[in-house]
Amino acid sequence: MEYIGIVLLVVVMVVIAWVILGSGNKKEKAAPAEKKKENVYEDLRGLAFKTTHHQLGIELPFDVKTPYGIVMDWYIGNGVATLTCFSSGDTSLYFSGGAAILGGIGITGIRDMAKTYVSQAVEILPLTSKTEEFPLPEPQTVRFYILTNQGVYVGTESMAQFQTGQSKWFPLFISANNIMSEMRKADEARLAAK
């Protein structure tokens, strides 16, 4: 259990540092104010909730509640990190401060991880409740929205529970962290190649 706590602490520190420092290279940060992009965080997040399995080309049975996507919102101190994954492999990571990494489906490892991650949601569905509202999480919490063919379901867990490793949400949280780490690596490689 001590190992799990250390892993969680390292992951949390990396994500927080990334959000505080922002994404992109120094040249992009130094762009004149008139060329700054507007923050599209709310639009991207809202679009994820409106995405249907039909739009993704995913066929699901009518009579069995089946997840096809997860929107994970993680309150990380000065904002929220949102990871969206779909069983098609579509994956995006964006932050309430405006930074975003899109296009995870184009990277085989991330695409496969996203598919596995969404399939894990079946095990956690009994801990959720159906919702039509999508508020951001409270401080020190993580909120999982599971998109299914029968509506959206939500569950919330505190970071304190994740740190103990005892949470039933822990496997989903670790998978999400692994995807975010791979997306960050891919983004760094893309920026280095410019």
C-alpha atoms as a PDB file:
ATOM      1  CA  MET A   1       0.000   0.000   0.000  1.00  0.00           C
ATOM      2  CA  GLU A   2       2.916   2.373   0.663  1.00  0.00           C
ATOM      3  CA  TYR A   3       4.039   1.870  -2.949  1.00  0.00           C
ATOM      4  CA  ILE A   4       0.576   2.833  -4.215  1.00  0.00           C
ATOM      5  CA  GLY A   5       0.689   6.010  -2.130  1.00  0.00           C
ATOM      6  CA  ILE A   6       4.080   6.942  -3.558  1.00  0.00           C
ATOM      7  CA  VAL A   7       2.913   6.303  -7.130  1.00  0.00           C
ATOM      8  CA  LEU A   8      -0.188   8.429  -6.561  1.00  0.00           C
ATOM      9  CA  LEU A   9       1.841  11.238  -5.044  1.00  0.00           C
ATOM     10  CA  VAL A  10       4.255  11.277  -7.990  1.00  0.00           C
ATOM     11  CA  VAL A  11       1.403  11.275 -10.521  1.00  0.00           C
ATOM     12  CA  VAL A  12      -0.406  14.072  -8.697  1.00  0.00           C
ATOM     13  CA  MET A  13       2.777  16.143  -8.510  1.00  0.00           C
ATOM     14  CA  VAL A  14       3.501  15.695 -12.234  1.00  0.00           C
ATOM     15  CA  VAL A  15      -0.014  16.737 -13.278  1.00  0.00           C
ATOM     16  CA  ILE A  16      -0.052  19.707 -10.905  1.00  0.00           C
ATOM     17  CA  ALA A  17       3.369  20.848 -12.106  1.00  0.00           C
ATOM     18  CA  TRP A  18       2.251  20.541 -15.712  1.00  0.00           C
ATOM     19  CA  VAL A  19      -0.870  22.602 -15.076  1.00  0.00           C
ATOM     20  CA  ILE A  20       1.035  25.260 -13.141  1.00  0.00           C
ATOM     21  CA  LEU A  21       3.750  25.506 -15.773  1.00  0.00           C
ATOM     22  CA  GLY A  22       1.287  25.163 -18.642  1.00  0.00           C
ATOM     23  CA  SER A  23       1.780  23.269 -21.847  1.00  0.00           C
ATOM     24  CA  GLY A  24       3.624  24.206 -24.970  1.00  0.00           C
ATOM     25  CA  ASN A  25       7.001  25.740 -25.521  1.00  0.00           C
ATOM     26  CA  LYS A  26       8.221  29.173 -24.443  1.00  0.00           C
ATOM     27  CA  LYS A  27       7.655  30.705 -27.891  1.00  0.00           C
ATOM     28  CA  GLU A  28       3.974  29.805 -27.744  1.00  0.00           C
ATOM     29  CA  LYS A  29       3.682  31.319 -24.254  1.00  0.00           C
ATOM     30  CA  ALA A  30       5.303  34.549 -25.378  1.00  0.00           C
ATOM     31  CA  ALA A  31       2.748  35.164 -28.149  1.00  0.00           C
ATOM     32  CA  PRO A  32       1.236  38.656 -28.178  1.00  0.00           C
ATOM     33  CA  ALA A  33      -2.062  39.100 -26.344  1.00  0.00           C
ATOM     34  CA  GLU A  34      -4.014  39.641 -29.562  1.00  0.00           C
ATOM     35  CA  LYS A  35      -2.977  36.199 -30.795  1.00  0.00           C
ATOM     36  CA  LYS A  36      -3.948  34.355 -27.610  1.00  0.00           C
ATOM     37  CA  LYS A  37      -6.540  31.670 -28.124  1.00  0.00           C
ATOM     38  CA  GLU A  38      -9.710  31.880 -26.131  1.00  0.00           C
ATOM     39  CA  ASN A  39     -10.221  29.223 -23.495  1.00  0.00           C
ATOM     40  CA  VAL A  40     -12.420  26.555 -25.063  1.00  0.00           C
ATOM     41  CA  TYR A  41     -12.376  24.245 -22.047  1.00  0.00           C
ATOM     42  CA  GLU A  42     -16.121  24.418 -21.384  1.00  0.00           C
ATOM     43  CA  ASP A  43     -16.916  23.858 -25.063  1.00  0.00           C
ATOM     44  CA  LEU A  44     -14.650  20.798 -25.312  1.00  0.00           C
ATOM     45  CA  ARG A  45     -15.972  19.343 -22.065  1.00  0.00           C
ATOM     46  CA  GLY A  46     -19.580  19.968 -23.115  1.00  0.00           C
ATOM     47  CA  LEU A  47     -18.953  18.354 -26.483  1.00  0.00           C
ATOM     48  CA  ALA A  48     -17.774  15.175 -24.767  1.00  0.00           C
ATOM     49  CA  PHE A  49     -21.102  14.833 -22.941  1.00  0.00           C
ATOM     50  CA  LYS A  50     -23.022  15.327 -26.188  1.00  0.00           C
ATOM     51  CA  THR A  51     -21.033  12.679 -28.075  1.00  0.00           C
ATOM     52  CA  THR A  52     -23.138   9.595 -28.770  1.00  0.00           C
ATOM     53  CA  HIS A  53     -21.968   6.091 -29.511  1.00  0.00           C
ATOM     54  CA  HIS A  54     -23.641   6.413 -32.918  1.00  0.00           C
ATOM     55  CA  GLN A  55     -21.455   9.422 -33.762  1.00  0.00           C
ATOM     56  CA  LEU A  56     -18.394   7.355 -32.858  1.00  0.00           C
ATOM     57  CA  GLY A  57     -19.546   4.453 -35.027  1.00  0.00           C
ATOM     58  CA  ILE A  58     -19.974   2.152 -32.034  1.00  0.00           C
ATOM     59  CA  GLU A  59     -22.827  -0.339 -32.081  1.00  0.00           C
ATOM     60  CA  LEU A  60     -24.214  -1.253 -28.655  1.00  0.00           C
ATOM     61  CA  PRO A  61     -27.027  -3.560 -27.561  1.00  0.00           C
ATOM     62  CA  PHE A  62     -30.307  -1.859 -26.635  1.00  0.00           C
ATOM     63  CA  ASP A  63     -31.136  -3.998 -23.617  1.00  0.00           C
ATOM     64  CA  VAL A  64     -27.789  -4.000 -21.746  1.00  0.00           C
ATOM     65  CA  LYS A  65     -26.392  -0.860 -20.134  1.00  0.00           C
ATOM     66  CA  THR A  66     -23.010  -0.540 -21.833  1.00  0.00           C
ATOM     67  CA  PRO A  67     -20.384   2.178 -21.292  1.00  0.00           C
ATOM     68  CA  TYR A  68     -18.902   3.791 -24.382  1.00  0.00           C
ATOM     69  CA  GLY A  69     -17.123   6.748 -22.790  1.00  0.00           C
ATOM     70  CA  ILE A  70     -15.734   8.262 -19.597  1.00  0.00           C
ATOM     71  CA  VAL A  71     -15.279  11.899 -18.719  1.00  0.00           C
ATOM     72  CA  MET A  72     -13.038  12.161 -15.672  1.00  0.00           C
ATOM     73  CA  ASP A  73     -12.788  15.542 -13.951  1.00  0.00           C
ATOM     74  CA  TRP A  74      -9.972  15.885 -11.439  1.00  0.00           C
ATOM     75  CA  TYR A  75      -9.737  18.948  -9.229  1.00  0.00           C
ATOM     76  CA  ILE A  76      -5.999  19.673  -9.107  1.00  0.00           C
ATOM     77  CA  GLY A  77      -5.592  22.747  -6.979  1.00  0.00           C
ATOM     78  CA  ASN A  78      -5.794  25.713  -9.307  1.00  0.00           C
ATOM     79  CA  GLY A  79      -8.227  24.177 -11.751  1.00  0.00           C
ATOM     80  CA  VAL A  80      -9.644  20.993 -13.210  1.00  0.00           C
ATOM     81  CA  ALA A  81      -8.064  18.438 -15.512  1.00  0.00           C
ATOM     82  CA  THR A  82     -10.550  16.622 -17.736  1.00  0.00           C
ATOM     83  CA  LEU A  83      -9.745  13.351 -19.470  1.00  0.00           C
ATOM     84  CA  THR A  84     -12.223  12.114 -22.067  1.00  0.00           C
ATOM     85  CA  CYS A  85     -11.956   8.598 -23.437  1.00  0.00           C
ATOM     86  CA  PHE A  86     -14.270   6.642 -25.674  1.00  0.00           C
ATOM     87  CA  SER A  87     -14.364   2.955 -26.588  1.00  0.00           C
ATOM     88  CA  SER A  88     -13.501   3.986 -30.144  1.00  0.00           C
ATOM     89  CA  GLY A  89     -10.088   5.056 -28.792  1.00  0.00           C
ATOM     90  CA  ASP A  90     -10.830   8.792 -29.074  1.00  0.00           C
ATOM     91  CA  THR A  91      -8.959  10.462 -26.216  1.00  0.00           C
ATOM     92  CA  SER A  92      -8.412  14.069 -25.153  1.00  0.00           C
ATOM     93  CA  LEU A  93      -6.964  15.810 -22.122  1.00  0.00           C
ATOM     94  CA  TYR A  94      -7.716  19.411 -21.325  1.00  0.00           C
ATOM     95  CA  PHE A  95      -7.421  21.802 -18.440  1.00  0.00           C
ATOM     96  CA  SER A  96      -9.724  24.519 -17.188  1.00  0.00           C
ATOM     97  CA  GLY A  97      -6.834  26.966 -17.647  1.00  0.00           C
ATOM     98  CA  GLY A  98      -6.966  26.462 -21.417  1.00  0.00           C
ATOM     99  CA  ALA A  99      -4.237  23.906 -22.196  1.00  0.00           C
ATOM    100  CA  ALA A 100      -5.324  20.862 -24.210  1.00  0.00           C
ATOM    101  CA  ILE A 101      -3.937  17.707 -25.762  1.00  0.00           C
ATOM    102  CA  LEU A 102      -6.205  16.296 -28.442  1.00  0.00           C
ATOM    103  CA  GLY A 103      -5.949  13.396 -30.858  1.00  0.00           C
ATOM    104  CA  GLY A 104      -5.007  10.472 -28.627  1.00  0.00           C
ATOM    105  CA  ILE A 105      -6.796   8.165 -31.060  1.00  0.00           C
ATOM    106  CA  GLY A 106      -3.917   8.704 -33.487  1.00  0.00           C
ATOM    107  CA  ILE A 107      -1.437   7.026 -31.144  1.00  0.00           C
ATOM    108  CA  THR A 108      -1.843   3.243 -31.003  1.00  0.00           C
ATOM    109  CA  GLY A 109      -0.810   2.841 -27.352  1.00  0.00           C
ATOM    110  CA  ILE A 110      -3.130   5.590 -26.130  1.00  0.00           C
ATOM    111  CA  ARG A 111      -5.996   4.375 -28.327  1.00  0.00           C
ATOM    112  CA  ASP A 112      -5.680   0.857 -26.874  1.00  0.00           C
ATOM    113  CA  MET A 113      -5.380   2.142 -23.307  1.00  0.00           C
ATOM    114  CA  ALA A 114      -8.544   4.238 -23.783  1.00  0.00           C
ATOM    115  CA  LYS A 115     -10.519   1.241 -25.013  1.00  0.00           C
ATOM    116  CA  THR A 116      -9.422  -0.830 -22.011  1.00  0.00           C
ATOM    117  CA  TYR A 117     -10.138   2.051 -19.625  1.00  0.00           C
ATOM    118  CA  VAL A 118     -13.706   2.453 -20.874  1.00  0.00           C
ATOM    119  CA  SER A 119     -14.299  -1.297 -20.635  1.00  0.00           C
ATOM    120  CA  GLN A 120     -13.311  -1.123 -16.932  1.00  0.00           C
ATOM    121  CA  ALA A 121     -16.300   1.155 -16.278  1.00  0.00           C
ATOM    122  CA  VAL A 122     -18.675  -1.836 -16.357  1.00  0.00           C
ATOM    123  CA  GLU A 123     -17.340  -2.918 -12.963  1.00  0.00           C
ATOM    124  CA  ILE A 124     -17.925   0.490 -11.389  1.00  0.00           C
ATOM    125  CA  LEU A 125     -21.413   1.230 -12.776  1.00  0.00           C
ATOM    126  CA  PRO A 126     -23.169  -0.123  -9.650  1.00  0.00           C
ATOM    127  CA  LEU A 127     -21.497   2.671  -7.643  1.00  0.00           C
ATOM    128  CA  THR A 128     -22.937   5.420  -9.859  1.00  0.00           C
ATOM    129  CA  SER A 129     -26.229   7.229 -10.219  1.00  0.00           C
ATOM    130  CA  LYS A 130     -27.875   8.531 -13.378  1.00  0.00           C
ATOM    131  CA  THR A 131     -27.454  12.248 -14.038  1.00  0.00           C
ATOM    132  CA  GLU A 132     -28.333  14.958 -16.514  1.00  0.00           C
ATOM    133  CA  GLU A 133     -26.139  17.588 -14.841  1.00  0.00           C
ATOM    134  CA  PHE A 134     -22.371  17.779 -15.177  1.00  0.00           C
ATOM    135  CA  PRO A 135     -20.843  20.044 -12.503  1.00  0.00           C
ATOM    136  CA  LEU A 136     -17.111  20.158 -11.921  1.00  0.00           C
ATOM    137  CA  PRO A 137     -15.761  18.338  -8.873  1.00  0.00           C
ATOM    138  CA  GLU A 138     -15.236  19.877  -5.467  1.00  0.00           C
ATOM    139  CA  PRO A 139     -11.675  20.434  -4.189  1.00  0.00           C
ATOM    140  CA  GLN A 140      -9.757  17.232  -3.402  1.00  0.00           C
ATOM    141  CA  THR A 141     -12.128  15.062  -5.426  1.00  0.00           C
ATOM    142  CA  VAL A 142     -12.321  13.231  -8.729  1.00  0.00           C
ATOM    143  CA  ARG A 143     -15.604  12.843 -10.582  1.00  0.00           C
ATOM    144  CA  PHE A 144     -16.226  10.125 -13.156  1.00  0.00           C
ATOM    145  CA  TYR A 145     -19.021  10.490 -15.685  1.00  0.00           C
ATOM    146  CA  ILE A 146     -19.713   7.218 -17.461  1.00  0.00           C
ATOM    147  CA  LEU A 147     -21.482   7.608 -20.785  1.00  0.00           C
ATOM    148  CA  THR A 148     -23.674   4.635 -21.645  1.00  0.00           C
ATOM    149  CA  ASN A 149     -26.281   3.695 -24.212  1.00  0.00           C
ATOM    150  CA  GLN A 150     -28.841   4.283 -21.417  1.00  0.00           C
ATOM    151  CA  GLY A 151     -27.686   7.701 -20.240  1.00  0.00           C
ATOM    152  CA  VAL A 152     -24.854   9.264 -18.244  1.00  0.00           C
ATOM    153  CA  TYR A 153     -23.930   7.994 -14.784  1.00  0.00           C
ATOM    154  CA  VAL A 154     -21.777   9.755 -12.210  1.00  0.00           C
ATOM    155  CA  GLY A 155     -19.653   8.845  -9.231  1.00  0.00           C
ATOM    156  CA  THR A 156     -17.262  10.864  -7.093  1.00  0.00           C
ATOM    157  CA  GLU A 157     -14.314   9.857  -4.945  1.00  0.00           C
ATOM    158  CA  SER A 158     -12.043  11.851  -2.653  1.00  0.00           C
ATOM    159  CA  MET A 159      -8.303  11.996  -3.185  1.00  0.00           C
ATOM    160  CA  ALA A 160      -7.908  10.778   0.409  1.00  0.00           C
ATOM    161  CA  GLN A 161      -9.571   7.491  -0.571  1.00  0.00           C
ATOM    162  CA  PHE A 162      -7.270   7.097  -3.565  1.00  0.00           C
ATOM    163  CA  GLN A 163      -4.225   7.649  -1.381  1.00  0.00           C
ATOM    164  CA  THR A 164      -5.180   4.668   0.767  1.00  0.00           C
ATOM    165  CA  GLY A 165      -5.534   2.445  -2.303  1.00  0.00           C
ATOM    166  CA  GLN A 166      -8.778   1.102  -0.823  1.00  0.00           C
ATOM    167  CA  SER A 167     -11.200   2.875  -3.149  1.00  0.00           C
ATOM    168  CA  LYS A 168     -13.252   0.774  -5.539  1.00  0.00           C
ATOM    169  CA  TRP A 169     -12.569   3.561  -8.059  1.00  0.00           C
ATOM    170  CA  PHE A 170      -8.805   3.067  -7.708  1.00  0.00           C
ATOM    171  CA  PRO A 171      -8.259   0.850 -10.815  1.00  0.00           C
ATOM    172  CA  LEU A 172     -10.124   3.369 -12.988  1.00  0.00           C
ATOM    173  CA  PHE A 173      -8.135   6.246 -11.490  1.00  0.00           C
ATOM    174  CA  ILE A 174      -4.792   4.505 -12.102  1.00  0.00           C
ATOM    175  CA  SER A 175      -5.744   3.708 -15.706  1.00  0.00           C
ATOM    176  CA  ALA A 176      -6.698   7.353 -16.254  1.00  0.00           C
ATOM    177  CA  ASN A 177      -3.363   8.487 -14.826  1.00  0.00           C
ATOM    178  CA  ASN A 178      -1.491   6.126 -17.132  1.00  0.00           C
ATOM    179  CA  ILE A 179      -3.350   7.537 -20.145  1.00  0.00           C
ATOM    180  CA  MET A 180      -2.645  11.131 -19.054  1.00  0.00           C
ATOM    181  CA  SER A 181       1.030  10.311 -18.641  1.00  0.00           C
ATOM    182  CA  GLU A 182       1.230   8.820 -22.150  1.00  0.00           C
ATOM    183  CA  MET A 183      -0.609  11.793 -23.618  1.00  0.00           C
ATOM    184  CA  ARG A 184       1.826  14.176 -21.953  1.00  0.00           C
ATOM    185  CA  LYS A 185       4.798  12.207 -23.345  1.00  0.00           C
ATOM    186  CA  ALA A 186       3.275  12.273 -26.831  1.00  0.00           C
ATOM    187  CA  ASP A 187       2.673  16.019 -26.550  1.00  0.00           C
ATOM    188  CA  GLU A 188       6.262  16.642 -25.419  1.00  0.00           C
ATOM    189  CA  ALA A 189       7.563  14.569 -28.338  1.00  0.00           C
ATOM    190  CA  ARG A 190       5.354  16.542 -30.761  1.00  0.00           C
ATOM    191  CA  LEU A 191       6.633  19.863 -29.400  1.00  0.00           C
ATOM    192  CA  ALA A 192      10.250  18.688 -29.524  1.00  0.00           C
ATOM    193  CA  ALA A 193       9.826  17.725 -33.173  1.00  0.00           C
ATOM    194  CA  LYS A 194       8.724  21.268 -34.128  1.00  0.00           C
END
